[in-house]
C-alpha atoms as a PDB file:
ATOM      1  CA  MET A   1      -2.934   6.936 -14.288  1.00  0.00           C
ATOM      2  CA  LEU A   2      -2.490   3.445 -12.920  1.00  0.00           C
ATOM      3  CA  ASP A   3      -2.061   4.198  -9.238  1.00  0.00           C
ATOM      4  CA  SER A   4      -4.830   1.826  -8.138  1.00  0.00           C
ATOM      5  CA  PRO A   5      -5.402  -0.910 -10.746  1.00  0.00           C
ATOM      6  CA  ARG A   6      -8.804  -2.481 -10.354  1.00  0.00           C
ATOM      7  CA  THR A   7      -9.600  -6.159 -10.434  1.00  0.00           C
ATOM      8  CA  ILE A   8     -12.891  -7.948 -10.668  1.00  0.00           C
ATOM      9  CA  THR A   9     -14.270 -11.214  -9.344  1.00  0.00           C
ATOM     10  CA  LEU A  10     -17.011 -12.962 -11.259  1.00  0.00           C
ATOM     11  CA  PRO A  11     -18.860 -16.240 -10.889  1.00  0.00           C
ATOM     12  CA  SER A  12     -17.120 -18.943 -12.874  1.00  0.00           C
ATOM     13  CA  ALA A  13     -18.464 -19.290 -16.384  1.00  0.00           C
ATOM     14  CA  THR A  14     -19.920 -22.654 -17.308  1.00  0.00           C
ATOM     15  CA  THR A  15     -17.359 -24.688 -19.169  1.00  0.00           C
ATOM     16  CA  PRO A  16     -18.734 -26.648 -22.148  1.00  0.00           C
ATOM     17  CA  SER A  17     -18.514 -30.379 -21.702  1.00  0.00           C
ATOM     18  CA  ALA A  18     -16.090 -32.373 -23.818  1.00  0.00           C
ATOM     19  CA  GLY A  19     -17.197 -32.718 -27.395  1.00  0.00           C
ATOM     20  CA  THR A  20     -19.683 -29.846 -27.268  1.00  0.00           C
ATOM     21  CA  GLY A  21     -19.555 -26.123 -27.859  1.00  0.00           C
ATOM     22  CA  PRO A  22     -17.441 -24.066 -30.263  1.00  0.00           C
ATOM     23  CA  HIS A  23     -14.263 -24.396 -28.207  1.00  0.00           C
ATOM     24  CA  ALA A  24     -14.502 -28.075 -27.299  1.00  0.00           C
ATOM     25  CA  GLY A  25     -11.137 -29.736 -26.948  1.00  0.00           C
ATOM     26  CA  SER A  26      -9.279 -26.411 -27.168  1.00  0.00           C
ATOM     27  CA  THR A  27      -7.596 -26.752 -23.764  1.00  0.00           C
ATOM     28  CA  ASP A  28      -6.925 -29.354 -21.104  1.00  0.00           C
ATOM     29  CA  ARG A  29      -7.228 -26.944 -18.197  1.00  0.00           C
ATOM     30  CA  ARG A  30      -8.448 -23.460 -17.517  1.00  0.00           C
ATOM     31  CA  VAL A  31      -5.752 -20.823 -17.109  1.00  0.00           C
ATOM     32  CA  PRO A  32      -6.284 -18.565 -14.072  1.00  0.00           C
ATOM     33  CA  VAL A  33      -6.340 -14.919 -15.194  1.00  0.00           C
ATOM     34  CA  ALA A  34      -6.489 -11.694 -13.171  1.00  0.00           C
ATOM     35  CA  VAL A  35      -7.469  -8.585 -15.130  1.00  0.00           C
ATOM     36  CA  TYR A  36      -6.098  -5.161 -14.213  1.00  0.00           C
ATOM     37  CA  ALA A  37      -7.060  -1.838 -15.798  1.00  0.00           C
ATOM     38  CA  ALA A  38      -6.864   1.859 -15.032  1.00  0.00           C
ATOM     39  CA  ASP A  39     -10.546   2.505 -15.708  1.00  0.00           C
ATOM     40  CA  PRO A  40     -13.824   0.586 -15.291  1.00  0.00           C
ATOM     41  CA  ILE A  41     -14.709   0.619 -19.003  1.00  0.00           C
ATOM     42  CA  SER A  42     -11.476  -1.135 -19.945  1.00  0.00           C
ATOM     43  CA  LEU A  43     -11.900  -3.543 -17.061  1.00  0.00           C
ATOM     44  CA  GLU A  44     -15.493  -4.493 -17.873  1.00  0.00           C
ATOM     45  CA  GLY A  45     -14.768  -4.737 -21.595  1.00  0.00           C
ATOM     46  CA  THR A  46     -11.802  -7.060 -21.120  1.00  0.00           C
ATOM     47  CA  VAL A  47     -13.621  -9.230 -18.592  1.00  0.00           C
ATOM     48  CA  GLY A  48     -16.604  -9.377 -20.937  1.00  0.00           C
ATOM     49  CA  GLN A  49     -14.333 -10.745 -23.676  1.00  0.00           C
ATOM     50  CA  LEU A  50     -12.975 -13.459 -21.384  1.00  0.00           C
ATOM     51  CA  ARG A  51     -15.834 -14.489 -19.097  1.00  0.00           C
ATOM     52  CA  ARG A  52     -17.348 -17.043 -21.476  1.00  0.00           C
ATOM     53  CA  ARG A  53     -14.102 -18.540 -22.728  1.00  0.00           C
ATOM     54  CA  PRO A  54     -13.622 -22.099 -21.441  1.00  0.00           C
ATOM     55  CA  GLU A  55      -9.832 -21.702 -21.537  1.00  0.00           C
ATOM     56  CA  VAL A  56      -9.915 -19.002 -18.850  1.00  0.00           C
ATOM     57  CA  GLU A  57     -10.785 -18.918 -15.165  1.00  0.00           C
ATOM     58  CA  LEU A  58     -11.099 -15.361 -13.857  1.00  0.00           C
ATOM     59  CA  ARG A  59      -9.411 -14.652 -10.542  1.00  0.00           C
ATOM     60  CA  GLU A  60      -9.508 -11.683  -8.205  1.00  0.00           C
ATOM     61  CA  GLU A  61      -5.745 -11.412  -7.703  1.00  0.00           C
ATOM     62  CA  SER A  62      -2.628 -12.559  -9.510  1.00  0.00           C
ATOM     63  CA  GLY A  63       0.057 -14.868  -8.187  1.00  0.00           C
ATOM     64  CA  PRO A  64       2.578 -17.501  -9.264  1.00  0.00           C
ATOM     65  CA  ASP A  65      -0.129 -19.708 -10.782  1.00  0.00           C
ATOM     66  CA  THR A  66      -1.907 -16.956 -12.725  1.00  0.00           C
ATOM     67  CA  VAL A  67      -1.614 -14.826 -15.831  1.00  0.00           C
ATOM     68  CA  ALA A  68      -1.972 -11.120 -15.058  1.00  0.00           C
ATOM     69  CA  LEU A  69      -3.563  -9.198 -17.941  1.00  0.00           C
ATOM     70  CA  LEU A  70      -2.850  -5.469 -17.718  1.00  0.00           C
ATOM     71  CA  VAL A  71      -4.813  -3.028 -19.917  1.00  0.00           C
ATOM     72  CA  VAL A  72      -3.402   0.483 -20.433  1.00  0.00           C
ATOM     73  CA  ASP A  73      -3.661   3.273 -22.994  1.00  0.00           C
ATOM     74  CA  ALA A  74       0.055   4.023 -22.938  1.00  0.00           C
ATOM     75  CA  LEU A  75       3.125   2.624 -21.249  1.00  0.00           C
ATOM     76  CA  ASP A  76       3.889   5.272 -18.635  1.00  0.00           C
ATOM     77  CA  ASP A  77       6.037   4.901 -15.513  1.00  0.00           C
ATOM     78  CA  ALA A  78       3.056   3.717 -13.471  1.00  0.00           C
ATOM     79  CA  ALA A  79       2.303   0.942 -15.945  1.00  0.00           C
ATOM     80  CA  LEU A  80       5.935  -0.216 -16.018  1.00  0.00           C
ATOM     81  CA  THR A  81       6.061  -0.214 -12.231  1.00  0.00           C
ATOM     82  CA  ARG A  82       2.888  -2.292 -12.114  1.00  0.00           C
ATOM     83  CA  LEU A  83       4.267  -4.771 -14.655  1.00  0.00           C
ATOM     84  CA  ARG A  84       7.447  -5.235 -12.636  1.00  0.00           C
ATOM     85  CA  ARG A  85       5.433  -5.756  -9.456  1.00  0.00           C
ATOM     86  CA  LEU A  86       3.161  -8.329 -11.090  1.00  0.00           C
ATOM     87  CA  VAL A  87       5.998 -10.340 -12.621  1.00  0.00           C
ATOM     88  CA  ARG A  88       8.891  -9.930 -10.200  1.00  0.00           C
ATOM     89  CA  GLY A  89       7.015  -9.314  -6.965  1.00  0.00           C
ATOM     90  CA  GLU A  90       3.980 -11.565  -7.362  1.00  0.00           C
ATOM     91  CA  GLY A  91       5.495 -14.159  -9.683  1.00  0.00           C
ATOM     92  CA  ALA A  92       2.723 -13.959 -12.289  1.00  0.00           C
ATOM     93  CA  ARG A  93       3.041 -14.439 -16.011  1.00  0.00           C
ATOM     94  CA  ALA A  94       1.779 -11.289 -17.706  1.00  0.00           C
ATOM     95  CA  VAL A  95       0.068 -10.031 -20.846  1.00  0.00           C
ATOM     96  CA  LEU A  96       0.188  -6.339 -21.741  1.00  0.00           C
ATOM     97  CA  VAL A  97      -2.736  -4.860 -23.670  1.00  0.00           C
ATOM     98  CA  VAL A  98      -1.659  -1.386 -24.759  1.00  0.00           C
ATOM     99  CA  GLY A  99      -3.024   1.371 -26.966  1.00  0.00           C
ATOM    100  CA  ALA A 100       0.297   2.889 -27.996  1.00  0.00           C
ATOM    101  CA  MET A 101       3.912   2.099 -27.256  1.00  0.00           C
ATOM    102  CA  ARG A 102       7.052   3.891 -28.351  1.00  0.00           C
ATOM    103  CA  GLU A 103       9.861   1.870 -29.876  1.00  0.00           C
ATOM    104  CA  SER A 104      12.160   2.880 -27.037  1.00  0.00           C
ATOM    105  CA  GLU A 105       9.768   1.241 -24.557  1.00  0.00           C
ATOM    106  CA  LEU A 106       9.806  -2.195 -26.154  1.00  0.00           C
ATOM    107  CA  LEU A 107      12.983  -3.438 -24.497  1.00  0.00           C
ATOM    108  CA  ASP A 108      11.768  -2.060 -21.169  1.00  0.00           C
ATOM    109  CA  VAL A 109       8.728  -4.322 -21.488  1.00  0.00           C
ATOM    110  CA  MET A 110      10.829  -7.341 -22.460  1.00  0.00           C
ATOM    111  CA  GLU A 111      13.138  -6.784 -19.514  1.00  0.00           C
ATOM    112  CA  CYS A 112      10.128  -6.718 -17.191  1.00  0.00           C
ATOM    113  CA  GLY A 113       9.614 -10.310 -18.290  1.00  0.00           C
ATOM    114  CA  ILE A 114       6.634  -9.657 -20.578  1.00  0.00           C
ATOM    115  CA  GLY A 115       6.552 -11.793 -23.702  1.00  0.00           C
ATOM    116  CA  ALA A 116       2.916 -11.311 -24.765  1.00  0.00           C
ATOM    117  CA  ILE A 117       1.670  -7.952 -26.040  1.00  0.00           C
ATOM    118  CA  VAL A 118      -1.687  -7.179 -27.643  1.00  0.00           C
ATOM    119  CA  ARG A 119      -2.705  -3.849 -29.141  1.00  0.00           C
ATOM    120  CA  ARG A 120      -6.004  -2.582 -27.787  1.00  0.00           C
ATOM    121  CA  ARG A 121      -7.458  -2.269 -31.271  1.00  0.00           C
ATOM    122  CA  ASP A 122      -6.758  -5.982 -31.851  1.00  0.00           C
ATOM    123  CA  ALA A 123      -7.994  -7.188 -28.455  1.00  0.00           C
ATOM    124  CA  THR A 124     -10.726  -9.598 -29.509  1.00  0.00           C
ATOM    125  CA  ALA A 125     -11.558 -12.545 -27.300  1.00  0.00           C
ATOM    126  CA  GLU A 126      -9.610 -14.874 -29.603  1.00  0.00           C
ATOM    127  CA  ARG A 127      -6.546 -12.636 -29.583  1.00  0.00           C
ATOM    128  CA  LEU A 128      -6.605 -12.190 -25.813  1.00  0.00           C
ATOM    129  CA  VAL A 129      -6.931 -15.913 -25.169  1.00  0.00           C
ATOM    130  CA  ARG A 130      -4.074 -16.665 -27.547  1.00  0.00           C
ATOM    131  CA  ALA A 131      -1.841 -14.249 -25.646  1.00  0.00           C
ATOM    132  CA  VAL A 132      -2.948 -15.633 -22.271  1.00  0.00           C
ATOM    133  CA  LEU A 133      -2.197 -19.210 -23.305  1.00  0.00           C
ATOM    134  CA  ALA A 134       1.213 -18.187 -24.679  1.00  0.00           C
ATOM    135  CA  ALA A 135       2.052 -16.349 -21.458  1.00  0.00           C
ATOM    136  CA  SER A 136       0.951 -19.310 -19.336  1.00  0.00           C
ATOM    137  CA  ARG A 137       3.453 -21.504 -21.221  1.00  0.00           C
ATOM    138  CA  GLY A 138       6.242 -18.925 -20.940  1.00  0.00           C
ATOM    139  CA  ASP A 139       6.130 -18.333 -24.702  1.00  0.00           C
ATOM    140  CA  SER A 140       6.194 -15.065 -26.625  1.00  0.00           C
ATOM    141  CA  ASP A 141       3.288 -13.575 -28.566  1.00  0.00           C
ATOM    142  CA  LEU A 142       4.028 -10.215 -30.186  1.00  0.00           C
ATOM    143  CA  PRO A 143       2.379  -8.385 -33.093  1.00  0.00           C
ATOM    144  CA  ALA A 144       4.466  -8.930 -36.232  1.00  0.00           C
ATOM    145  CA  ASP A 145       5.601  -5.320 -36.504  1.00  0.00           C
ATOM    146  CA  LEU A 146       6.649  -5.215 -32.840  1.00  0.00           C
ATOM    147  CA  LEU A 147       8.638  -8.412 -33.329  1.00  0.00           C
ATOM    148  CA  GLY A 148      10.415  -6.771 -36.255  1.00  0.00           C
ATOM    149  CA  ARG A 149      11.163  -3.676 -34.188  1.00  0.00           C
ATOM    150  CA  LEU A 150      12.436  -5.830 -31.317  1.00  0.00           C
ATOM    151  CA  ILE A 151      14.784  -7.732 -33.611  1.00  0.00           C
ATOM    152  CA  HIS A 152      16.053  -4.406 -35.015  1.00  0.00           C
ATOM    153  CA  GLN A 153      16.701  -3.063 -31.520  1.00  0.00           C
ATOM    154  CA  LEU A 154      18.427  -6.238 -30.443  1.00  0.00           C
ATOM    155  CA  GLY A 155      20.549  -6.151 -33.572  1.00  0.00           C
ATOM    156  CA  THR A 156      21.651  -2.638 -32.642  1.00  0.00           C
ATOM    157  CA  LEU A 157      22.555  -3.867 -29.161  1.00  0.00           C
ATOM    158  CA  HIS A 158      24.437  -6.766 -30.693  1.00  0.00           C
ATOM    159  CA  ARG A 159      26.519  -4.469 -32.881  1.00  0.00           C
ATOM    160  CA  GLY A 160      27.280  -2.366 -29.819  1.00  0.00           C
ATOM    161  CA  ALA A 161      28.225  -5.426 -27.807  1.00  0.00           C
ATOM    162  CA  ALA A 162      30.579  -6.577 -30.550  1.00  0.00           C
ATOM    163  CA  GLY A 163      32.920  -3.719 -29.698  1.00  0.00           C
ATOM    164  CA  ARG A 164      33.179  -4.625 -26.024  1.00  0.00           C
ATOM    165  CA  THR A 165      36.189  -6.446 -24.652  1.00  0.00           C
ATOM    166  CA  GLY A 166      36.108  -9.399 -22.309  1.00  0.00           C
ATOM    167  CA  PRO A 167      33.721 -12.366 -22.072  1.00  0.00           C
ATOM    168  CA  PRO A 168      29.979 -12.024 -21.500  1.00  0.00           C
ATOM    169  CA  ALA A 169      28.924 -11.590 -17.899  1.00  0.00           C
ATOM    170  CA  LEU A 170      27.075 -14.900 -17.681  1.00  0.00           C
ATOM    171  CA  GLY A 171      27.625 -18.057 -19.675  1.00  0.00           C
ATOM    172  CA  LEU A 172      25.361 -19.767 -22.193  1.00  0.00           C
ATOM    173  CA  THR A 173      26.179 -23.204 -23.532  1.00  0.00           C
ATOM    174  CA  PRO A 174      26.557 -23.719 -27.303  1.00  0.00           C
ATOM    175  CA  ARG A 175      23.292 -25.671 -27.318  1.00  0.00           C
ATOM    176  CA  GLU A 176      21.471 -22.819 -25.562  1.00  0.00           C
ATOM    177  CA  VAL A 177      22.882 -20.332 -28.060  1.00  0.00           C
ATOM    178  CA  ASP A 178      21.748 -22.511 -30.988  1.00  0.00           C
ATOM    179  CA  VAL A 179      18.225 -22.730 -29.599  1.00  0.00           C
ATOM    180  CA  LEU A 180      17.961 -19.007 -28.792  1.00  0.00           C
ATOM    181  CA  ARG A 181      19.266 -18.033 -32.220  1.00  0.00           C
ATOM    182  CA  LEU A 182      16.392 -19.951 -33.821  1.00  0.00           C
ATOM    183  CA  VAL A 183      13.900 -18.512 -31.318  1.00  0.00           C
ATOM    184  CA  ALA A 184      15.100 -15.039 -32.335  1.00  0.00           C
ATOM    185  CA  GLU A 185      14.466 -15.940 -35.976  1.00  0.00           C
ATOM    186  CA  GLY A 186      10.845 -16.722 -35.159  1.00  0.00           C
ATOM    187  CA  PHE A 187      10.846 -20.521 -35.262  1.00  0.00           C
ATOM    188  CA  ASP A 188       8.520 -22.432 -32.928  1.00  0.00           C
ATOM    189  CA  THR A 189       9.474 -25.394 -30.744  1.00  0.00           C
ATOM    190  CA  ALA A 190       8.719 -28.058 -33.356  1.00  0.00           C
ATOM    191  CA  GLU A 191      10.670 -26.231 -36.059  1.00  0.00           C
ATOM    192  CA  ILE A 192      13.662 -25.715 -33.744  1.00  0.00           C
ATOM    193  CA  ALA A 193      13.621 -29.400 -32.819  1.00  0.00           C
ATOM    194  CA  GLY A 194      13.628 -30.356 -36.498  1.00  0.00           C
ATOM    195  CA  LYS A 195      16.470 -28.023 -37.420  1.00  0.00           C
ATOM    196  CA  LEU A 196      18.689 -29.131 -34.526  1.00  0.00           C
ATOM    197  CA  ALA A 197      17.681 -32.810 -34.579  1.00  0.00           C
ATOM    198  CA  TYR A 198      16.448 -32.577 -30.977  1.00  0.00           C
ATOM    199  CA  SER A 199      13.163 -33.711 -29.509  1.00  0.00           C
ATOM    200  CA  GLU A 200      10.627 -31.015 -28.710  1.00  0.00           C
ATOM    201  CA  ARG A 201      11.011 -31.926 -25.028  1.00  0.00           C
ATOM    202  CA  THR A 202      14.752 -31.262 -25.260  1.00  0.00           C
ATOM    203  CA  VAL A 203      14.151 -27.819 -26.779  1.00  0.00           C
ATOM    204  CA  LYS A 204      11.668 -26.966 -24.033  1.00  0.00           C
ATOM    205  CA  ASN A 205      14.088 -28.208 -21.381  1.00  0.00           C
ATOM    206  CA  VAL A 206      16.919 -26.110 -22.813  1.00  0.00           C
ATOM    207  CA  VAL A 207      14.817 -22.944 -22.720  1.00  0.00           C
ATOM    208  CA  HIS A 208      13.402 -23.751 -19.299  1.00  0.00           C
ATOM    209  CA  GLY A 209      16.830 -24.501 -17.879  1.00  0.00           C
ATOM    210  CA  LEU A 210      18.448 -21.279 -19.005  1.00  0.00           C
ATOM    211  CA  THR A 211      15.500 -19.127 -17.937  1.00  0.00           C
ATOM    212  CA  ILE A 212      15.627 -20.646 -14.443  1.00  0.00           C
ATOM    213  CA  ARG A 213      19.408 -20.394 -14.187  1.00  0.00           C
ATOM    214  CA  LEU A 214      19.571 -16.780 -15.355  1.00  0.00           C
ATOM    215  CA  HIS A 215      16.325 -15.678 -13.663  1.00  0.00           C
ATOM    216  CA  LEU A 216      14.636 -14.857 -16.982  1.00  0.00           C
ATOM    217  CA  ARG A 217      10.877 -14.879 -17.447  1.00  0.00           C
ATOM    218  CA  ASN A 218      10.253 -16.256 -20.929  1.00  0.00           C
ATOM    219  CA  ARG A 219      11.701 -16.795 -24.388  1.00  0.00           C
ATOM    220  CA  ALA A 220      11.573 -13.131 -25.352  1.00  0.00           C
ATOM    221  CA  HIS A 221      13.446 -12.179 -22.202  1.00  0.00           C
ATOM    222  CA  ALA A 222      16.024 -14.910 -22.905  1.00  0.00           C
ATOM    223  CA  VAL A 223      16.546 -13.685 -26.472  1.00  0.00           C
ATOM    224  CA  ALA A 224      16.925 -10.100 -25.236  1.00  0.00           C
ATOM    225  CA  PHE A 225      19.536 -11.289 -22.738  1.00  0.00           C
ATOM    226  CA  ALA A 226      21.444 -13.270 -25.391  1.00  0.00           C
ATOM    227  CA  PHE A 227      21.554 -10.280 -27.739  1.00  0.00           C
ATOM    228  CA  ARG A 228      22.534  -7.860 -24.986  1.00  0.00           C
ATOM    229  CA  GLU A 229      25.406 -10.115 -23.885  1.00  0.00           C
ATOM    230  CA  GLY A 230      26.634 -10.591 -27.439  1.00  0.00           C
ATOM    231  CA  TYR A 231      25.841 -14.282 -27.882  1.00  0.00           C
ATOM    232  CA  ILE A 232      23.634 -13.904 -30.977  1.00  0.00           C
END
């Protein structure tokens, strides 16, 4: 159960000085991270993976300037409720570390505004930090097989939407559709910029603008919206 997620506060780890240590130069700033888990073993294990990473600053509570990292065995109703509260209520970016997740739950997670998912069996320090950094930028970071399943589900939604009459509920510009179509195909910002002859800043601004306008949380959420509304 996840009725009372626990957090932990630790003394800040010493950050290696520039030019020294195995992670020197890997980040310009430390990303604030609050860890939540249903049991103390998961909590201590996750914190132990992160406490010495110079990219991360552990916090006691999440908020608009933090990444909330939630560790669960399975995605039950309590976990989904907690995710929604963290993202929609507290304004945090979020990473889900999960033991098992049914295919039917994947869109639920995306619609919570979660774009970074890590399987518990893969949750090394490197993998966790990668997901945290992606979440802090508003990017997506999904295991390859989950990405494939998401695309399959969204394709099913798209085929269903094709039979609907009337225009989509909310409008996307042609440029936004072009960018999201390439995001859905797995291209990163630099590759999208090259294919569309835009600057990388323009691509980022397009994604940022539509996520703000439509109250979406990240790229994965934007792609899910575009598929659901029949744009791509």
